[in-house]
């Protein structure tokens, strides 16, 4: 029974993907909700570097745009805010292994398209990389760049690379990073850098049955500022509904998350913490398992807890989890 509980818990949260690779064409047709699986529009031109030096609040450093986009020399605005990064996290190895800190950020807090790895158990991180290598971890949206990129990263990394990166990120503390707000209307969005960003027109629209996760300060996020977080807009009433599903099982509809992830949802031994992590990211993982596109160690055991949950239930669960203090 203990092994079963542990197995259920370990499949609830997946290690995020790495950098956003160029989109690959696929003949597969995805029915995955596009708000949760952002796909870069074709032909999106790269940002132009005018050579000027950029700065962010609270940092004495300055960098050109090209320097902030260098995945082999991870931009680190606040090197005193975390332990020294291992070489694989800071630089990676050309030509196929970018520094892990480029997408997951030096403090491990990450972004919605790849989310947070700070504070995850090292063994858990290593298992997810193994699943990317084996082909067990796939996305319900085959054109989404970060999961495709992570496959290449996993295959380019040695076991020692993976161990060092896993131990580094596991040693970091997950900090409050995502502000969850219930809303009836949200900014209209577009996809840029494999994440949702506000549309330039500044118009609003009904949220519907979606989670809209956006940078709090887009220019700082584009500069890879690891201290500028995100806001997640969720449907009105979803946090309370999610609380009932997470804490009581919704009257037998699912399994209480705290049984395995701890009563505070901050993890239990090798079981990963859920509180305060990206709702759109967690939604993708639950959706992938429920729809049979993600396989791997113990994943089959998650199908029963997810079998009777609607998409609205998944939205509510992830809204509540993200609203908790990490």
Protein backbone atom coordinates (compact mmCIF):
# COMPACT_ATOMS: atom_id res chain seq x y z
CA UNK A 1 0.00 0.00 0.00
CA UNK A 2 2.86 2.39 0.85
CA UNK A 3 4.44 1.77 -2.55
CA UNK A 4 1.15 2.42 -4.28
CA UNK A 5 0.67 5.74 -2.44
CA UNK A 6 4.20 6.82 -3.25
CA UNK A 7 3.71 5.84 -6.88
CA UNK A 8 0.55 7.88 -7.15
CA UNK A 9 2.22 10.92 -5.71
CA UNK A 10 5.37 10.82 -7.79
CA UNK A 11 3.36 11.03 -10.98
CA UNK A 12 1.44 14.15 -9.95
CA UNK A 13 4.18 16.61 -10.85
CA UNK A 14 6.68 16.34 -13.65
CA UNK A 15 10.03 18.03 -14.04
CA UNK A 16 9.69 20.93 -16.43
CA UNK A 17 11.09 21.05 -19.94
CA UNK A 18 14.13 23.10 -20.83
CA UNK A 19 14.67 25.79 -23.44
CA UNK A 20 12.20 26.54 -26.19
CA UNK A 21 13.45 24.78 -29.32
CA UNK A 22 12.39 25.64 -32.87
CA UNK A 23 8.96 24.20 -33.53
CA UNK A 24 8.85 20.89 -35.36
CA UNK A 25 6.12 20.17 -37.83
CA UNK A 26 3.83 17.30 -36.97
CA UNK A 27 0.96 15.61 -38.76
CA UNK A 28 -0.70 14.91 -35.41
CA UNK A 29 -3.79 16.93 -34.58
CA UNK A 30 -3.91 18.10 -30.99
CA UNK A 31 -7.09 18.70 -29.02
CA UNK A 32 -5.15 19.96 -26.00
CA UNK A 33 -6.35 23.37 -24.78
CA UNK A 34 -4.09 26.00 -26.41
CA UNK A 35 -4.05 28.24 -23.32
CA UNK A 36 -2.19 25.48 -21.48
CA UNK A 37 -0.01 24.38 -24.41
CA UNK A 38 1.31 27.57 -26.06
CA UNK A 39 2.83 27.02 -29.50
CA UNK A 40 4.96 29.74 -31.06
CA UNK A 41 3.48 31.10 -34.29
CA UNK A 42 5.44 30.09 -37.40
CA UNK A 43 7.93 32.56 -38.77
CA UNK A 44 8.27 34.55 -35.54
CA UNK A 45 11.44 36.65 -36.07
CA UNK A 46 14.09 36.71 -33.34
CA UNK A 47 14.46 39.84 -31.26
CA UNK A 48 17.02 42.29 -32.67
CA UNK A 49 19.94 43.39 -30.54
CA UNK A 50 20.77 47.09 -30.93
CA UNK A 51 23.87 46.68 -28.77
CA UNK A 52 22.55 48.75 -25.88
CA UNK A 53 23.07 47.57 -22.31
CA UNK A 54 20.01 46.39 -20.42
CA UNK A 55 19.47 46.52 -16.67
CA UNK A 56 16.90 45.19 -14.21
CA UNK A 57 15.86 46.63 -10.82
CA UNK A 58 18.03 45.62 -7.89
CA UNK A 59 20.98 44.35 -9.91
CA UNK A 60 24.24 46.21 -10.55
CA UNK A 61 24.88 44.21 -13.71
CA UNK A 62 24.19 45.22 -17.31
CA UNK A 63 23.92 43.00 -20.40
CA UNK A 64 23.14 43.26 -24.07
CA UNK A 65 20.06 41.50 -25.37
CA UNK A 66 22.29 38.87 -27.00
CA UNK A 67 23.92 38.13 -23.65
CA UNK A 68 20.52 37.58 -22.02
CA UNK A 69 19.67 35.08 -24.77
CA UNK A 70 22.88 33.05 -24.47
CA UNK A 71 21.95 29.59 -23.30
CA UNK A 72 25.60 28.60 -22.93
CA UNK A 73 26.39 31.50 -20.58
CA UNK A 74 23.24 31.70 -18.50
CA UNK A 75 22.29 35.30 -17.69
CA UNK A 76 22.52 35.68 -13.94
CA UNK A 77 21.43 39.08 -12.67
CA UNK A 78 21.83 38.16 -8.99
CA UNK A 79 24.68 35.67 -8.50
CA UNK A 80 24.67 36.28 -4.74
CA UNK A 81 21.09 35.01 -4.50
CA UNK A 82 21.91 31.32 -4.94
CA UNK A 83 24.79 28.84 -4.49
CA UNK A 84 27.43 28.60 -7.24
CA UNK A 85 25.94 26.89 -10.27
CA UNK A 86 27.52 23.68 -11.55
CA UNK A 87 28.95 23.99 -15.06
CA UNK A 88 26.06 22.04 -16.57
CA UNK A 89 23.57 24.50 -15.05
CA UNK A 90 25.48 27.67 -15.94
CA UNK A 91 27.01 26.75 -19.31
CA UNK A 92 25.89 23.34 -20.48
CA UNK A 93 28.01 22.00 -23.31
CA UNK A 94 27.94 22.89 -26.99
CA UNK A 95 26.41 22.02 -29.33
CA UNK A 96 23.35 20.30 -27.85
CA UNK A 97 23.30 20.87 -24.09
CA UNK A 98 22.31 24.36 -23.05
CA UNK A 99 22.75 25.42 -19.45
CA UNK A 100 19.84 24.19 -17.35
CA UNK A 101 19.61 27.59 -15.66
CA UNK A 102 18.68 29.29 -18.92
CA UNK A 103 15.09 28.07 -18.80
CA UNK A 104 14.74 26.96 -15.20
CA UNK A 105 16.59 30.15 -14.13
CA UNK A 106 19.57 30.22 -11.75
CA UNK A 107 17.23 30.11 -8.72
CA UNK A 108 15.18 27.25 -10.18
CA UNK A 109 11.89 29.19 -10.25
CA UNK A 110 11.41 28.76 -13.99
CA UNK A 111 8.61 29.99 -16.24
CA UNK A 112 5.13 28.62 -17.12
CA UNK A 113 6.37 26.76 -20.21
CA UNK A 114 8.91 24.85 -18.13
CA UNK A 115 7.98 25.79 -14.57
CA UNK A 116 9.89 25.44 -11.32
CA UNK A 117 12.38 22.77 -10.30
CA UNK A 118 13.55 24.47 -7.09
CA UNK A 119 13.10 22.16 -4.13
CA UNK A 120 12.06 19.05 -6.06
CA UNK A 121 13.66 15.82 -4.80
CA UNK A 122 16.87 15.09 -6.72
CA UNK A 123 15.84 11.49 -7.36
CA UNK A 124 12.58 12.72 -8.82
CA UNK A 125 14.33 15.11 -11.20
CA UNK A 126 16.69 12.37 -12.38
CA UNK A 127 13.78 10.02 -13.06
CA UNK A 128 12.04 12.59 -15.23
CA UNK A 129 15.17 13.13 -17.32
CA UNK A 130 15.35 9.36 -17.77
CA UNK A 131 11.74 9.38 -18.95
CA UNK A 132 12.53 12.07 -21.53
CA UNK A 133 15.43 9.94 -22.77
CA UNK A 134 13.31 6.82 -23.08
CA UNK A 135 10.45 8.55 -24.87
CA UNK A 136 8.05 7.94 -21.99
CA UNK A 137 7.46 11.67 -21.42
CA UNK A 138 5.62 13.30 -24.27
CA UNK A 139 3.23 16.21 -24.62
CA UNK A 140 -0.42 16.25 -25.66
CA UNK A 141 0.60 19.10 -27.98
CA UNK A 142 3.32 17.63 -30.22
CA UNK A 143 4.25 21.07 -31.58
CA UNK A 144 5.00 22.63 -28.20
CA UNK A 145 8.69 23.57 -28.20
CA UNK A 146 9.93 23.08 -24.60
CA UNK A 147 9.01 19.36 -24.29
CA UNK A 148 10.65 18.72 -27.66
CA UNK A 149 13.73 20.62 -26.54
CA UNK A 150 13.97 18.67 -23.30
CA UNK A 151 14.21 15.41 -25.21
CA UNK A 152 17.35 16.70 -26.92
CA UNK A 153 18.74 18.05 -23.64
CA UNK A 154 18.15 14.74 -21.87
CA UNK A 155 19.89 12.76 -24.58
CA UNK A 156 22.86 15.14 -24.69
CA UNK A 157 23.40 15.09 -20.91
CA UNK A 158 25.54 12.48 -19.19
CA UNK A 159 24.39 10.76 -16.02
CA UNK A 160 26.87 12.93 -14.09
CA UNK A 161 25.44 16.08 -15.70
CA UNK A 162 21.96 15.04 -14.60
CA UNK A 163 23.09 14.23 -11.07
CA UNK A 164 24.82 17.58 -10.60
CA UNK A 165 21.88 19.55 -11.97
CA UNK A 166 19.36 17.58 -9.92
CA UNK A 167 21.29 18.05 -6.69
CA UNK A 168 21.72 21.77 -7.35
CA UNK A 169 18.05 22.48 -8.04
CA UNK A 170 16.94 20.22 -5.21
CA UNK A 171 19.03 22.30 -2.80
CA UNK A 172 17.16 25.50 -3.67
CA UNK A 173 14.05 26.75 -1.91
CA UNK A 174 10.87 27.38 -3.87
CA UNK A 175 9.80 30.95 -3.14
CA UNK A 176 6.46 32.70 -3.76
CA UNK A 177 6.58 33.27 -7.52
CA UNK A 178 3.03 33.14 -8.88
CA UNK A 179 0.19 35.42 -7.81
CA UNK A 180 -3.15 33.66 -8.28
CA UNK A 181 -6.11 35.94 -8.98
CA UNK A 182 -9.74 34.94 -9.57
CA UNK A 183 -11.14 36.99 -12.45
CA UNK A 184 -14.06 37.15 -14.87
CA UNK A 185 -12.07 38.98 -17.57
CA UNK A 186 -8.40 38.75 -18.55
CA UNK A 187 -6.07 40.45 -21.03
CA UNK A 188 -6.21 39.14 -24.56
CA UNK A 189 -3.04 37.18 -25.20
CA UNK A 190 -0.67 35.94 -27.85
CA UNK A 191 2.14 33.39 -27.73
CA UNK A 192 5.72 34.60 -27.49
CA UNK A 193 8.68 32.60 -26.29
CA UNK A 194 6.44 29.55 -25.73
CA UNK A 195 4.37 31.40 -23.12
CA UNK A 196 1.30 33.62 -23.08
CA UNK A 197 1.92 37.38 -23.08
CA UNK A 198 -0.57 40.26 -23.20
CA UNK A 199 -1.61 41.29 -26.69
CA UNK A 200 -0.32 44.69 -27.73
CA UNK A 201 -3.86 46.07 -28.08
CA UNK A 202 -4.50 45.93 -24.35
CA UNK A 203 -8.04 44.54 -24.79
CA UNK A 204 -9.82 42.32 -22.28
CA UNK A 205 -11.95 39.20 -22.80
CA UNK A 206 -13.90 36.70 -20.65
CA UNK A 207 -11.70 34.14 -18.96
CA UNK A 208 -14.05 31.25 -19.68
CA UNK A 209 -12.78 27.85 -18.57
CA UNK A 210 -9.10 28.71 -18.71
CA UNK A 211 -6.08 29.65 -16.66
CA UNK A 212 -4.21 32.61 -18.10
CA UNK A 213 -0.69 32.82 -16.68
CA UNK A 214 1.26 35.95 -17.62
CA UNK A 215 4.50 37.70 -16.66
CA UNK A 216 4.08 40.39 -14.03
CA UNK A 217 6.62 42.49 -15.94
CA UNK A 218 7.14 41.28 -19.52
CA UNK A 219 10.34 43.26 -20.28
CA UNK A 220 12.02 41.85 -17.16
CA UNK A 221 10.86 38.34 -17.97
CA UNK A 222 12.24 38.68 -21.50
CA UNK A 223 15.60 39.64 -19.99
CA UNK A 224 15.53 36.41 -17.90
CA UNK A 225 15.21 38.32 -14.63
CA UNK A 226 14.86 35.55 -12.06
CA UNK A 227 13.18 37.83 -9.52
CA UNK A 228 10.25 38.94 -11.69
CA UNK A 229 7.40 36.47 -11.34
CA UNK A 230 3.98 35.73 -12.82
CA UNK A 231 0.28 36.26 -12.28
CA UNK A 232 -2.18 33.44 -12.94
CA UNK A 233 -5.79 34.43 -13.60
CA UNK A 234 -8.23 31.64 -12.73
CA UNK A 235 -12.05 31.41 -12.95
CA UNK A 236 -14.06 32.86 -10.08
CA UNK A 237 -14.82 30.16 -7.52
CA UNK A 238 -12.16 27.78 -8.82
CA UNK A 239 -9.90 28.02 -5.76
CA UNK A 240 -12.68 26.97 -3.37
CA UNK A 241 -13.76 24.17 -5.69
CA UNK A 242 -10.16 23.03 -6.00
CA UNK A 243 -9.72 23.07 -2.24
CA UNK A 244 -12.59 20.61 -1.86
CA UNK A 245 -11.14 18.26 -4.47
CA UNK A 246 -7.59 18.48 -3.13
CA UNK A 247 -8.34 18.26 0.59
CA UNK A 248 -11.37 15.93 0.70
CA UNK A 249 -11.30 14.15 -2.64
CA UNK A 250 -14.52 15.82 -3.71
CA UNK A 251 -16.77 13.23 -2.11
CA UNK A 252 -14.91 10.27 -3.59
CA UNK A 253 -14.29 11.82 -7.01
CA UNK A 254 -10.53 11.64 -6.61
CA UNK A 255 -7.75 11.01 -4.09
CA UNK A 256 -6.78 13.59 -1.48
CA UNK A 257 -3.47 15.09 -2.62
CA UNK A 258 -2.24 15.56 0.96
CA UNK A 259 -2.15 11.81 1.58
CA UNK A 260 1.08 11.63 -0.41
CA UNK A 261 2.24 15.21 -0.83
CA UNK A 262 1.86 16.07 2.83
CA UNK A 263 -0.93 17.94 4.63
CA UNK A 264 0.61 21.27 3.60
CA UNK A 265 1.25 20.08 0.01
CA UNK A 266 4.96 20.84 0.44
CA UNK A 267 6.16 17.34 -0.25
CA UNK A 268 6.88 14.32 1.87
CA UNK A 269 10.23 12.56 1.56
CA UNK A 270 10.75 11.73 -2.12
CA UNK A 271 7.23 12.91 -2.97
CA UNK A 272 7.40 16.31 -4.75
CA UNK A 273 5.87 19.48 -3.32
CA UNK A 274 2.93 21.00 -5.20
CA UNK A 275 2.14 24.21 -3.31
CA UNK A 276 2.92 27.42 -5.17
CA UNK A 277 3.92 25.89 -8.50
CA UNK A 278 2.69 26.95 -11.93
CA UNK A 279 -0.99 26.06 -12.43
CA UNK A 280 -0.75 25.89 -16.21
CA UNK A 281 2.26 23.59 -15.91
CA UNK A 282 0.63 21.24 -13.39
CA UNK A 283 -2.53 21.24 -15.52
CA UNK A 284 -0.52 20.03 -18.52
CA UNK A 285 0.93 17.14 -16.59
CA UNK A 286 -2.42 15.98 -15.23
CA UNK A 287 -3.97 16.37 -18.68
CA UNK A 288 -1.15 14.41 -20.33
CA UNK A 289 -1.54 11.53 -17.89
CA UNK A 290 -5.32 11.54 -18.14
CA UNK A 291 -5.22 11.45 -21.94
CA UNK A 292 -2.53 8.80 -22.17
CA UNK A 293 0.19 10.88 -23.82
CA UNK A 294 2.56 10.72 -20.86
CA UNK A 295 3.92 7.36 -19.77
CA UNK A 296 6.72 6.23 -17.54
CA UNK A 297 7.39 4.82 -14.10
CA UNK A 298 4.17 4.64 -12.06
CA UNK A 299 2.18 6.82 -14.45
CA UNK A 300 -0.44 4.16 -15.06
CA UNK A 301 -1.34 4.34 -11.38
CA UNK A 302 -2.41 7.97 -11.77
CA UNK A 303 -5.14 7.14 -14.25
CA UNK A 304 -7.64 6.01 -11.62
CA UNK A 305 -7.45 9.23 -9.53
CA UNK A 306 -7.84 11.26 -12.75
CA UNK A 307 -10.48 9.12 -14.42
CA UNK A 308 -13.55 10.99 -13.16
CA UNK A 309 -12.16 14.51 -13.23
CA UNK A 310 -13.39 16.97 -15.84
CA UNK A 311 -11.22 19.65 -17.40
CA UNK A 312 -12.90 22.16 -15.10
CA UNK A 313 -11.89 19.97 -12.14
CA UNK A 314 -8.27 20.01 -13.29
CA UNK A 315 -8.40 23.81 -13.60
CA UNK A 316 -9.80 24.09 -10.08
CA UNK A 317 -7.26 21.69 -8.58
CA UNK A 318 -4.31 23.46 -10.15
CA UNK A 319 -5.66 26.91 -9.22
CA UNK A 320 -5.86 25.85 -5.58
CA UNK A 321 -2.44 24.18 -5.54
CA UNK A 322 -0.78 27.24 -7.04
CA UNK A 323 -2.52 29.56 -4.57
CA UNK A 324 -0.87 27.83 -1.60
CA UNK A 325 2.31 29.22 -0.05
CA UNK A 326 5.29 27.11 -1.14
